[in-house]
């Protein structure tokens, strides 16, 4: 089972990289076909490096560590109280307790 999951994740990662590479190659082909620089034309993945800063864009959207921190904070707030999750936990505890009591009554 472990090897199956490792192989599956490897294949999924390989497919993702292949798709992104294909998008980049298609973009380069379109650029060569046009023959001129279009300011509206964007690469699938681009990384810009300066002396102290590295910025990246993925499908035209800028990605930065500040965005990741904000998303992480938002996810922590969401997971702090999830009504359905807490109700599911309570239901599972109740069902488990009831089934244990029934089994003990039948067994004794």
Foldseek 3Di string as FASTA:
>chain_A
DVVVVVVVVVVVVVVVVVVLVVQQVVLVVVCVVVVDDDPVRDHQKDWDDDDPDIWIDHHNHTDDVVVVVVVVVVVCVCVVDDPVVVVVVVVVVVVVVVVVVVVVVVVD
